[in-house]
Amino acid sequence: MSAAAVLVGAVATAVAPHATNYISTSAVVNAPLVPISSPFEGIVETPSPGPARFIRAGELAFELRKMSKESAGLRSLKSELSSLSGEIEGLEMQRERLEQLKQELLERRDQQIAARSAWYETRLLEARAELDRAEGALHRVIASSDRAERLAARDRLSESDLIEAQGELAEAKAVVAGREATLKRLEVERDFLAEGDVIDTSTNDIDAIAYRLDEIAVRDAELATQLMGRSTRREALLHEISGMQIEQTKNEEFRPTSATDGIVWESSPRAGANVTTGEQVLKILDCTRRFLEFELPERHFEKIVPGTEVSVRLKGAEKPFTGKIFAAYGGGSRPNRNMQAAQPRITTPNGLRVIVTIPKPDLEDENVARAFCDVGRSAEVRMNIPSGSVASEWMERAREVARAVFGRDGQETDTALDEDLAANEDDMTPRSRTN
């Protein structure tokens, strides 16, 4: 009796969890992979951390440099800028030469004005002397004319001599008037020279210099207009080239950062290695989104409630932990396995696949990083089943066991056993299940 009681207790202890819970042993810890591909053909400048290394969100993953030269558009702009710079330099040289010529002409003009002013002073002295001499001669002629008129009034001088004396007087007055006009003209010319103006009555040298200075001013204005247009175009080209160089620099360097806290699953090639366009350079294991996936008979679909807690124990671990049901999908669905690091051991194609989220690990722990945050480890998931379905679940498992035992050689399962199991299931009323 004691042995029987111990045996019954042992059987009850082993069978009770399977009678009141659903236990899955096919679950595998999984997590998505975040691949980073190269956008161009390049060379690895800075490699990524090695495998099983922790990488933080925002941390530089690796660095690539593009193996290409300047674009055709940038070379064309630089060529145009070089040509335009040459034209601007030529225009500036022409303006400098014109400025030098202008200064030379102004110096020559000043020298001629200074020489002309000195000449005017001397000429004015001569003109005043000539005027004084003409006035002295006029006084003598006036005195002689008065004497002749007096003599003629006394009939002591012939009429012809009187006429000659009057003619000499008129000539002397004309000479004095000419000398006065010459003196006034010289004074006017001297005054214009003092004000910077020139009335060149003798030569055309100063006027020619003035005309040449006017031509230089017109030509300099034309060159200034051309220079302004080309300088504006050069500034626009410099701005455009700067923008293109910045854009090309961005396109020539690829420095991605990690989008999440994770573990390096596959590291990049070593420094100096070549990578092709579209090649996956790095894969990061996103341990912040770990999950489990296990099978469940499809008849339990209505019993799956998101947020329901389940008990999870990693195989080989001593303590279980709690996870939460996130979602479920049927066996006919096609999940994206390319983005997952582990392959779940799903053996029932018609089963219900349940996804369970699990807590985030301590990624800074070296042991966790070296274990790739337990991705790939199998686990046991225990989920409570409503009490109303315990007996039916137990009978279904009994049928599966019977089919496995009696139909393993490919023969039909014993119908009598199936009928007995069905009868036993029909006879189990809610009262008997409760009891």
Protein backbone atom coordinates (compact mmCIF):
# COMPACT_ATOMS: atom_id res chain seq x y z
CA MET A 1 0.00 0.00 0.00
CA SER A 2 2.79 2.40 0.82
CA ALA A 3 4.59 1.60 -2.42
CA ALA A 4 1.36 2.05 -4.35
CA ALA A 5 0.73 5.40 -2.68
CA VAL A 6 4.25 6.59 -3.52
CA LEU A 7 3.86 5.40 -7.10
CA VAL A 8 0.48 7.17 -7.46
CA GLY A 9 1.95 10.36 -5.97
CA ALA A 10 4.90 10.27 -8.33
CA VAL A 11 2.67 9.70 -11.32
CA ALA A 12 0.35 12.53 -10.18
CA THR A 13 3.29 14.89 -9.72
CA ALA A 14 4.61 14.12 -13.20
CA VAL A 15 1.24 14.14 -14.92
CA ALA A 16 -0.45 17.05 -13.12
CA PRO A 17 1.46 19.85 -14.88
CA HIS A 18 0.67 18.33 -18.24
CA ALA A 19 -2.98 17.95 -17.29
CA THR A 20 -3.44 21.54 -16.10
CA ASN A 21 -0.95 23.40 -18.40
CA TYR A 22 0.31 23.38 -21.96
CA ILE A 23 4.06 22.87 -22.02
CA SER A 24 6.15 23.41 -25.14
CA THR A 25 9.76 22.30 -25.33
CA SER A 26 10.39 23.40 -28.92
CA ALA A 27 10.73 27.14 -28.21
CA VAL A 28 13.93 28.90 -29.26
CA VAL A 29 15.14 32.34 -28.20
CA ASN A 30 15.19 34.55 -31.28
CA ALA A 31 15.90 38.19 -32.16
CA PRO A 32 15.86 40.23 -35.37
CA LEU A 33 19.02 41.03 -37.25
CA VAL A 34 19.73 44.57 -38.45
CA PRO A 35 21.94 44.37 -41.55
CA ILE A 36 23.86 47.38 -42.86
CA SER A 37 24.79 47.27 -46.56
CA SER A 38 27.25 49.35 -48.55
CA PRO A 39 25.63 51.96 -50.85
CA PHE A 40 28.66 51.99 -53.17
CA GLU A 41 31.86 50.18 -54.02
CA GLY A 42 34.47 51.26 -51.56
CA ILE A 43 37.22 50.47 -49.07
CA VAL A 44 36.83 49.85 -45.35
CA GLU A 45 38.48 52.74 -43.53
CA THR A 46 37.40 51.89 -39.98
CA PRO A 47 36.19 48.34 -39.31
CA SER A 48 33.35 47.51 -36.96
CA PRO A 49 33.78 45.94 -33.53
CA GLY A 50 34.38 42.22 -33.56
CA PRO A 51 31.70 39.54 -33.17
CA ALA A 52 29.96 39.25 -29.78
CA ARG A 53 30.84 42.87 -28.97
CA PHE A 54 28.28 45.24 -27.49
CA ILE A 55 27.44 48.26 -29.64
CA ARG A 56 25.31 51.15 -28.41
CA ALA A 57 22.64 53.00 -30.33
CA GLY A 58 24.21 55.96 -32.17
CA GLU A 59 27.71 54.51 -32.03
CA LEU A 60 29.74 54.46 -35.25
CA ALA A 61 29.36 51.01 -36.79
CA PHE A 62 32.09 51.28 -39.45
CA GLU A 63 33.43 53.68 -42.06
CA LEU A 64 33.70 53.26 -45.84
CA ARG A 65 35.45 55.42 -48.44
CA LYS A 66 34.26 55.45 -52.03
CA MET A 67 36.70 54.37 -54.72
CA SER A 68 35.93 57.03 -57.29
CA LYS A 69 37.23 60.34 -58.55
CA GLU A 70 35.52 63.67 -59.07
CA SER A 71 32.29 63.67 -60.98
CA ALA A 72 32.16 65.01 -64.55
CA GLY A 73 29.90 67.87 -63.48
CA LEU A 74 32.34 68.99 -60.79
CA ARG A 75 35.29 68.79 -63.20
CA SER A 76 33.35 70.87 -65.73
CA LEU A 77 32.57 73.53 -63.13
CA LYS A 78 36.20 73.67 -62.01
CA SER A 79 37.33 74.00 -65.63
CA GLU A 80 34.88 76.86 -66.19
CA LEU A 81 36.05 78.48 -62.96
CA SER A 82 39.68 78.25 -64.08
CA SER A 83 38.85 79.82 -67.46
CA LEU A 84 36.79 82.53 -65.81
CA SER A 85 39.55 83.26 -63.32
CA GLY A 86 41.96 83.70 -66.25
CA GLU A 87 39.59 86.16 -67.93
CA ILE A 88 39.18 88.08 -64.68
CA GLU A 89 42.94 88.22 -64.23
CA GLY A 90 43.32 89.53 -67.78
CA LEU A 91 40.69 92.22 -67.25
CA GLU A 92 42.32 93.26 -63.99
CA MET A 93 45.69 93.50 -65.75
CA GLN A 94 44.14 95.69 -68.46
CA ARG A 95 42.61 97.96 -65.84
CA GLU A 96 45.94 98.19 -64.03
CA ARG A 97 47.68 99.06 -67.31
CA LEU A 98 45.07 101.70 -68.08
CA GLU A 99 45.46 103.11 -64.59
CA GLN A 100 49.22 103.33 -65.08
CA LEU A 101 48.73 105.04 -68.44
CA LYS A 102 46.25 107.41 -66.87
CA GLN A 103 48.74 108.35 -64.15
CA GLU A 104 51.44 108.87 -66.76
CA LEU A 105 49.17 111.11 -68.81
CA LEU A 106 48.14 113.07 -65.73
CA GLU A 107 51.79 113.55 -64.78
CA ARG A 108 52.59 114.63 -68.32
CA ARG A 109 49.62 116.99 -68.29
CA ASP A 110 50.70 118.46 -64.97
CA GLN A 111 54.21 118.90 -66.28
CA GLN A 112 52.95 120.63 -69.40
CA ILE A 113 50.63 122.83 -67.36
CA ALA A 114 53.48 123.74 -65.05
CA ALA A 115 55.71 124.50 -68.02
CA ARG A 116 52.94 126.45 -69.68
CA SER A 117 52.32 128.40 -66.48
CA ALA A 118 56.01 129.32 -66.28
CA TRP A 119 55.92 130.27 -69.94
CA TYR A 120 52.86 132.44 -69.31
CA GLU A 121 54.62 134.28 -66.54
CA THR A 122 57.54 135.04 -68.82
CA ARG A 123 55.25 135.86 -71.69
CA LEU A 124 53.19 138.17 -69.47
CA LEU A 125 56.33 140.04 -68.52
CA GLU A 126 57.22 140.39 -72.18
CA ALA A 127 53.67 141.47 -73.00
CA ARG A 128 53.69 144.07 -70.25
CA ALA A 129 57.04 145.33 -71.46
CA GLU A 130 55.78 145.55 -75.01
CA LEU A 131 52.65 147.29 -73.77
CA ASP A 132 54.74 149.79 -71.82
CA ARG A 133 56.92 150.40 -74.86
CA ALA A 134 53.83 150.81 -77.03
CA GLU A 135 52.31 153.19 -74.52
CA GLY A 136 55.58 155.22 -74.40
CA ALA A 137 55.61 155.38 -78.18
CA LEU A 138 51.96 156.40 -78.06
CA HIS A 139 52.75 159.27 -75.72
CA ARG A 140 55.48 160.48 -78.06
CA VAL A 141 53.17 160.17 -81.04
CA ILE A 142 50.40 162.03 -79.16
CA ALA A 143 52.79 164.84 -78.29
CA SER A 144 54.02 164.96 -81.90
CA SER A 145 50.43 164.94 -83.17
CA ASP A 146 49.43 167.77 -80.83
CA ARG A 147 52.43 169.83 -82.02
CA ALA A 148 51.51 169.13 -85.59
CA GLU A 149 47.94 170.25 -85.01
CA ARG A 150 49.15 173.44 -83.37
CA LEU A 151 51.52 174.12 -86.20
CA ALA A 152 48.84 173.39 -88.73
CA ALA A 153 46.52 175.81 -86.97
CA ARG A 154 49.18 178.52 -87.48
CA ASP A 155 49.68 177.46 -91.08
CA ARG A 156 53.21 176.47 -90.29
CA LEU A 157 52.66 172.78 -91.22
CA SER A 158 51.36 171.39 -94.41
CA GLU A 159 48.18 169.36 -94.48
CA SER A 160 50.03 166.25 -95.65
CA ASP A 161 52.38 166.37 -92.67
CA LEU A 162 49.35 166.77 -90.38
CA ILE A 163 47.68 163.73 -91.93
CA GLU A 164 50.89 161.72 -91.51
CA ALA A 165 51.09 162.72 -87.85
CA GLN A 166 47.48 161.71 -87.28
CA GLY A 167 48.17 158.37 -88.99
CA GLU A 168 51.16 157.72 -86.76
CA LEU A 169 48.92 158.48 -83.76
CA ALA A 170 46.30 155.97 -84.91
CA GLU A 171 48.98 153.33 -85.51
CA ALA A 172 50.44 153.89 -82.03
CA LYS A 173 47.01 153.55 -80.45
CA ALA A 174 46.42 150.33 -82.42
CA VAL A 175 49.75 148.95 -81.24
CA VAL A 176 48.85 149.76 -77.64
CA ALA A 177 45.40 148.14 -78.04
CA GLY A 178 47.05 145.00 -79.51
CA ARG A 179 49.53 144.83 -76.70
CA GLU A 180 46.71 145.19 -74.15
CA ALA A 181 44.68 142.43 -75.87
CA THR A 182 47.68 140.12 -75.88
CA LEU A 183 48.28 140.78 -72.20
CA LYS A 184 44.63 140.13 -71.34
CA ARG A 185 44.61 136.89 -73.33
CA LEU A 186 47.73 135.68 -71.57
CA GLU A 187 46.22 136.54 -68.19
CA VAL A 188 43.04 134.63 -69.03
CA GLU A 189 45.03 131.56 -70.10
CA ARG A 190 47.14 131.79 -66.96
CA ASP A 191 44.03 131.97 -64.75
CA PHE A 192 42.55 128.88 -66.45
CA LEU A 193 45.77 126.98 -65.83
CA ALA A 194 45.58 127.95 -62.15
CA GLU A 195 42.05 126.45 -61.97
CA GLY A 196 43.11 123.23 -63.72
CA ASP A 197 41.49 124.07 -67.05
CA VAL A 198 43.43 124.47 -70.23
CA ILE A 199 42.94 126.76 -73.16
CA ASP A 200 45.64 125.66 -75.49
CA THR A 201 45.97 128.38 -78.07
CA SER A 202 49.39 127.42 -79.34
CA THR A 203 49.62 123.60 -79.39
CA ASN A 204 47.30 120.55 -79.12
CA ASP A 205 49.38 118.56 -76.63
CA ILE A 206 47.27 119.21 -73.55
CA ASP A 207 44.01 118.75 -75.45
CA ALA A 208 45.29 115.47 -76.88
CA ILE A 209 46.12 114.29 -73.37
CA ALA A 210 42.62 115.25 -72.22
CA TYR A 211 41.05 113.32 -75.11
CA ARG A 212 43.23 110.32 -74.27
CA LEU A 213 42.19 110.49 -70.63
CA ASP A 214 38.53 110.49 -71.68
CA GLU A 215 39.11 107.41 -73.83
CA ILE A 216 40.83 105.68 -70.93
CA ALA A 217 37.87 106.47 -68.64
CA VAL A 218 35.40 105.00 -71.16
CA ARG A 219 37.51 101.87 -71.66
CA ASP A 220 37.98 101.46 -67.91
CA ALA A 221 34.22 101.63 -67.41
CA GLU A 222 33.72 98.88 -70.02
CA LEU A 223 36.35 96.70 -68.36
CA ALA A 224 34.80 97.33 -64.94
CA THR A 225 31.41 96.17 -66.26
CA GLN A 226 32.91 93.00 -67.76
CA LEU A 227 34.90 92.37 -64.59
CA MET A 228 31.81 92.76 -62.43
CA GLY A 229 29.87 90.25 -64.54
CA ARG A 230 32.66 87.69 -64.48
CA SER A 231 33.28 88.20 -60.76
CA THR A 232 29.60 87.56 -60.07
CA ARG A 233 29.72 84.40 -62.17
CA ARG A 234 32.89 83.28 -60.39
CA GLU A 235 31.24 83.72 -56.97
CA ALA A 236 28.28 81.67 -58.18
CA LEU A 237 30.63 78.97 -59.46
CA LEU A 238 32.55 78.89 -56.18
CA HIS A 239 29.31 78.50 -54.25
CA GLU A 240 28.11 75.74 -56.60
CA ILE A 241 31.44 73.92 -56.50
CA SER A 242 31.50 74.13 -52.70
CA GLY A 243 28.02 72.62 -52.51
CA MET A 244 28.92 69.85 -54.94
CA GLN A 245 32.13 69.08 -53.05
CA ILE A 246 30.23 68.85 -49.77
CA GLU A 247 27.65 66.60 -51.41
CA GLN A 248 30.37 64.49 -53.02
CA THR A 249 32.17 64.22 -49.69
CA LYS A 250 28.99 62.94 -48.13
CA ASN A 251 28.57 60.47 -50.99
CA GLU A 252 32.20 59.39 -50.85
CA GLU A 253 32.07 58.57 -47.15
CA PHE A 254 29.64 56.17 -45.52
CA ARG A 255 29.65 56.33 -41.73
CA PRO A 256 26.54 54.53 -40.45
CA THR A 257 25.65 54.38 -36.80
CA SER A 258 23.88 51.64 -34.92
CA ALA A 259 20.12 52.13 -34.77
CA THR A 260 19.76 50.11 -31.57
CA ASP A 261 21.62 48.64 -28.63
CA GLY A 262 22.77 45.22 -29.76
CA ILE A 263 25.50 42.67 -30.26
CA VAL A 264 27.67 42.39 -33.36
CA TRP A 265 26.46 39.23 -35.08
CA GLU A 266 28.68 39.45 -38.18
CA SER A 267 31.49 42.00 -38.18
CA SER A 268 32.74 44.00 -41.15
CA PRO A 269 35.87 43.07 -43.15
CA ARG A 270 39.23 44.33 -41.95
CA ALA A 271 40.53 47.80 -42.70
CA GLY A 272 41.55 48.21 -46.35
CA ALA A 273 39.25 45.48 -47.62
CA ASN A 274 37.06 46.17 -50.66
CA VAL A 275 33.28 45.95 -50.53
CA THR A 276 30.85 45.96 -53.42
CA THR A 277 27.62 47.87 -53.88
CA GLY A 278 24.80 46.31 -51.87
CA GLU A 279 27.09 43.99 -49.91
CA GLN A 280 26.04 43.41 -46.30
CA VAL A 281 28.99 44.76 -44.36
CA LEU A 282 27.68 44.33 -40.81
CA LYS A 283 24.86 42.54 -38.99
CA ILE A 284 23.74 43.67 -35.56
CA LEU A 285 21.66 41.45 -33.30
CA ASP A 286 18.85 43.57 -31.84
CA CYS A 287 18.67 42.08 -28.36
CA THR A 288 16.15 44.71 -27.28
CA ARG A 289 13.49 42.80 -29.24
CA ARG A 290 14.12 39.23 -28.15
CA PHE A 291 11.22 36.83 -28.46
CA LEU A 292 10.26 33.16 -28.32
CA GLU A 293 8.18 31.22 -30.79
CA PHE A 294 6.52 27.93 -29.88
CA GLU A 295 3.84 25.64 -31.27
CA LEU A 296 0.34 25.26 -30.00
CA PRO A 297 -2.49 23.12 -31.36
CA GLU A 298 -4.62 25.26 -33.62
CA ARG A 299 -7.77 24.45 -31.62
CA HIS A 300 -6.43 26.76 -28.89
CA PHE A 301 -6.45 29.81 -31.14
CA GLU A 302 -9.36 31.44 -29.32
CA LYS A 303 -7.61 30.98 -26.00
CA ILE A 304 -4.57 33.06 -27.02
CA VAL A 305 -4.91 36.50 -25.44
CA PRO A 306 -2.13 39.03 -26.09
CA GLY A 307 -0.53 40.17 -22.85
CA THR A 308 -1.06 36.83 -21.09
CA GLU A 309 1.92 35.90 -18.98
CA VAL A 310 3.70 32.58 -19.50
CA SER A 311 6.50 30.88 -17.64
CA VAL A 312 9.76 30.48 -19.57
CA ARG A 313 12.79 28.47 -18.53
CA LEU A 314 15.86 28.24 -20.69
CA LYS A 315 17.20 24.73 -20.93
CA GLY A 316 20.18 24.47 -18.65
CA ALA A 317 19.04 27.41 -16.52
CA GLU A 318 17.92 26.96 -12.92
CA LYS A 319 15.34 29.71 -12.59
CA PRO A 320 12.42 30.47 -14.89
CA PHE A 321 11.29 33.97 -15.83
CA THR A 322 8.08 35.51 -17.06
CA GLY A 323 7.24 36.36 -20.66
CA LYS A 324 4.16 37.79 -22.33
CA ILE A 325 2.25 36.57 -25.33
CA PHE A 326 2.63 39.15 -28.10
CA ALA A 327 0.87 37.61 -31.09
CA ALA A 328 -0.06 34.37 -32.82
CA TYR A 329 -0.30 33.34 -36.44
CA GLY A 330 -1.38 30.20 -38.19
CA GLY A 331 0.82 27.50 -39.57
CA GLY A 332 0.01 28.51 -43.14
CA SER A 333 1.61 31.93 -42.78
CA ARG A 334 5.07 32.71 -44.13
CA PRO A 335 7.08 34.74 -41.60
CA ASN A 336 10.23 36.59 -42.64
CA ARG A 337 12.97 34.25 -41.51
CA ASN A 338 15.70 36.22 -43.27
CA MET A 339 15.59 38.91 -40.57
CA GLN A 340 15.82 36.46 -37.65
CA ALA A 341 19.02 35.17 -36.15
CA ALA A 342 17.76 31.72 -35.02
CA GLN A 343 15.67 29.08 -36.74
CA PRO A 344 12.66 27.98 -34.64
CA ARG A 345 12.09 24.23 -34.39
CA ILE A 346 8.57 24.12 -35.73
CA THR A 347 7.57 20.53 -36.46
CA THR A 348 3.79 20.78 -36.88
CA PRO A 349 2.92 22.53 -40.14
CA ASN A 350 -0.71 22.92 -39.10
CA GLY A 351 0.03 24.15 -35.60
CA LEU A 352 -0.52 27.58 -34.14
CA ARG A 353 2.64 29.63 -33.75
CA VAL A 354 2.74 31.87 -30.69
CA ILE A 355 5.22 34.73 -30.22
CA VAL A 356 6.28 35.54 -26.66
CA THR A 357 8.28 38.62 -25.77
CA ILE A 358 10.94 38.23 -23.07
CA PRO A 359 12.77 40.83 -20.94
CA LYS A 360 15.74 42.78 -22.26
CA PRO A 361 19.10 41.45 -21.02
CA ASP A 362 22.00 43.42 -19.61
CA LEU A 363 23.96 43.95 -22.81
CA GLU A 364 26.92 45.50 -21.04
CA ASP A 365 27.53 42.17 -19.29
CA GLU A 366 30.38 40.50 -21.15
CA ASN A 367 28.92 37.04 -20.57
CA VAL A 368 25.60 38.12 -22.09
CA ALA A 369 27.40 39.59 -25.12
CA ARG A 370 29.51 36.47 -25.64
CA ALA A 371 26.36 34.35 -25.46
CA PHE A 372 24.66 36.61 -28.02
CA CYS A 373 21.98 37.36 -25.39
CA ASP A 374 20.93 33.65 -25.39
CA VAL A 375 19.71 33.77 -29.02
CA GLY A 376 19.45 30.22 -30.32
CA ARG A 377 18.96 28.59 -26.91
CA SER A 378 15.98 26.30 -26.61
CA ALA A 379 13.46 26.93 -23.88
CA GLU A 380 10.46 25.38 -22.16
CA VAL A 381 7.32 27.49 -22.19
CA ARG A 382 4.46 26.74 -19.82
CA MET A 383 1.07 28.33 -20.46
CA ASN A 384 -2.02 27.86 -18.30
CA ILE A 385 -5.01 26.30 -20.03
CA PRO A 386 -8.58 27.11 -18.91
CA SER A 387 -9.97 24.38 -16.64
CA GLY A 388 -12.84 23.58 -19.00
CA SER A 389 -10.47 22.25 -21.60
CA VAL A 390 -8.18 20.20 -19.37
CA ALA A 391 -10.02 16.89 -19.85
CA SER A 392 -10.47 17.30 -23.58
CA GLU A 393 -6.81 18.25 -23.88
CA TRP A 394 -5.83 15.19 -21.87
CA MET A 395 -7.98 12.89 -24.02
CA GLU A 396 -6.55 14.42 -27.21
CA ARG A 397 -3.08 13.73 -25.94
CA ALA A 398 -4.11 10.19 -25.11
CA ARG A 399 -5.31 9.76 -28.69
CA GLU A 400 -2.00 11.08 -29.99
CA VAL A 401 -0.13 8.65 -27.79
CA ALA A 402 -2.33 5.79 -28.95
CA ARG A 403 -1.79 6.68 -32.59
CA ALA A 404 1.92 6.92 -32.02
CA VAL A 405 2.01 3.52 -30.26
CA PHE A 406 -0.33 1.51 -32.47
CA GLY A 407 0.12 3.25 -35.77
CA ARG A 408 3.89 3.82 -35.86
CA ASP A 409 4.39 1.13 -38.58
CA GLY A 410 2.13 2.95 -41.00
CA GLN A 411 -1.03 0.92 -40.03
CA GLU A 412 -4.36 2.42 -39.01
CA THR A 413 -4.81 3.19 -35.34
CA ASP A 414 -7.04 0.73 -33.51
CA THR A 415 -10.62 1.96 -33.92
CA ALA A 416 -11.75 0.26 -30.72
CA LEU A 417 -9.22 2.30 -28.77
CA ASP A 418 -10.41 5.48 -30.44
CA GLU A 419 -14.03 4.59 -29.69
CA ASP A 420 -13.21 3.91 -26.05
CA LEU A 421 -11.33 7.16 -25.73
CA ALA A 422 -14.21 9.01 -27.35
CA ALA A 423 -16.73 7.35 -25.06
CA ASN A 424 -14.66 8.23 -22.02
CA GLU A 425 -14.45 11.83 -23.21
CA ASP A 426 -18.24 11.98 -23.73
CA ASP A 427 -18.93 10.51 -20.28
CA MET A 428 -16.79 13.19 -18.58
CA THR A 429 -19.29 15.84 -17.55
CA PRO A 430 -18.35 19.25 -16.09
CA ARG A 431 -19.27 17.87 -12.67
CA SER A 432 -16.90 14.95 -12.96
CA ARG A 433 -14.16 17.24 -14.24
CA THR A 434 -14.66 19.52 -11.29
CA ASN A 435 -14.63 16.57 -8.94
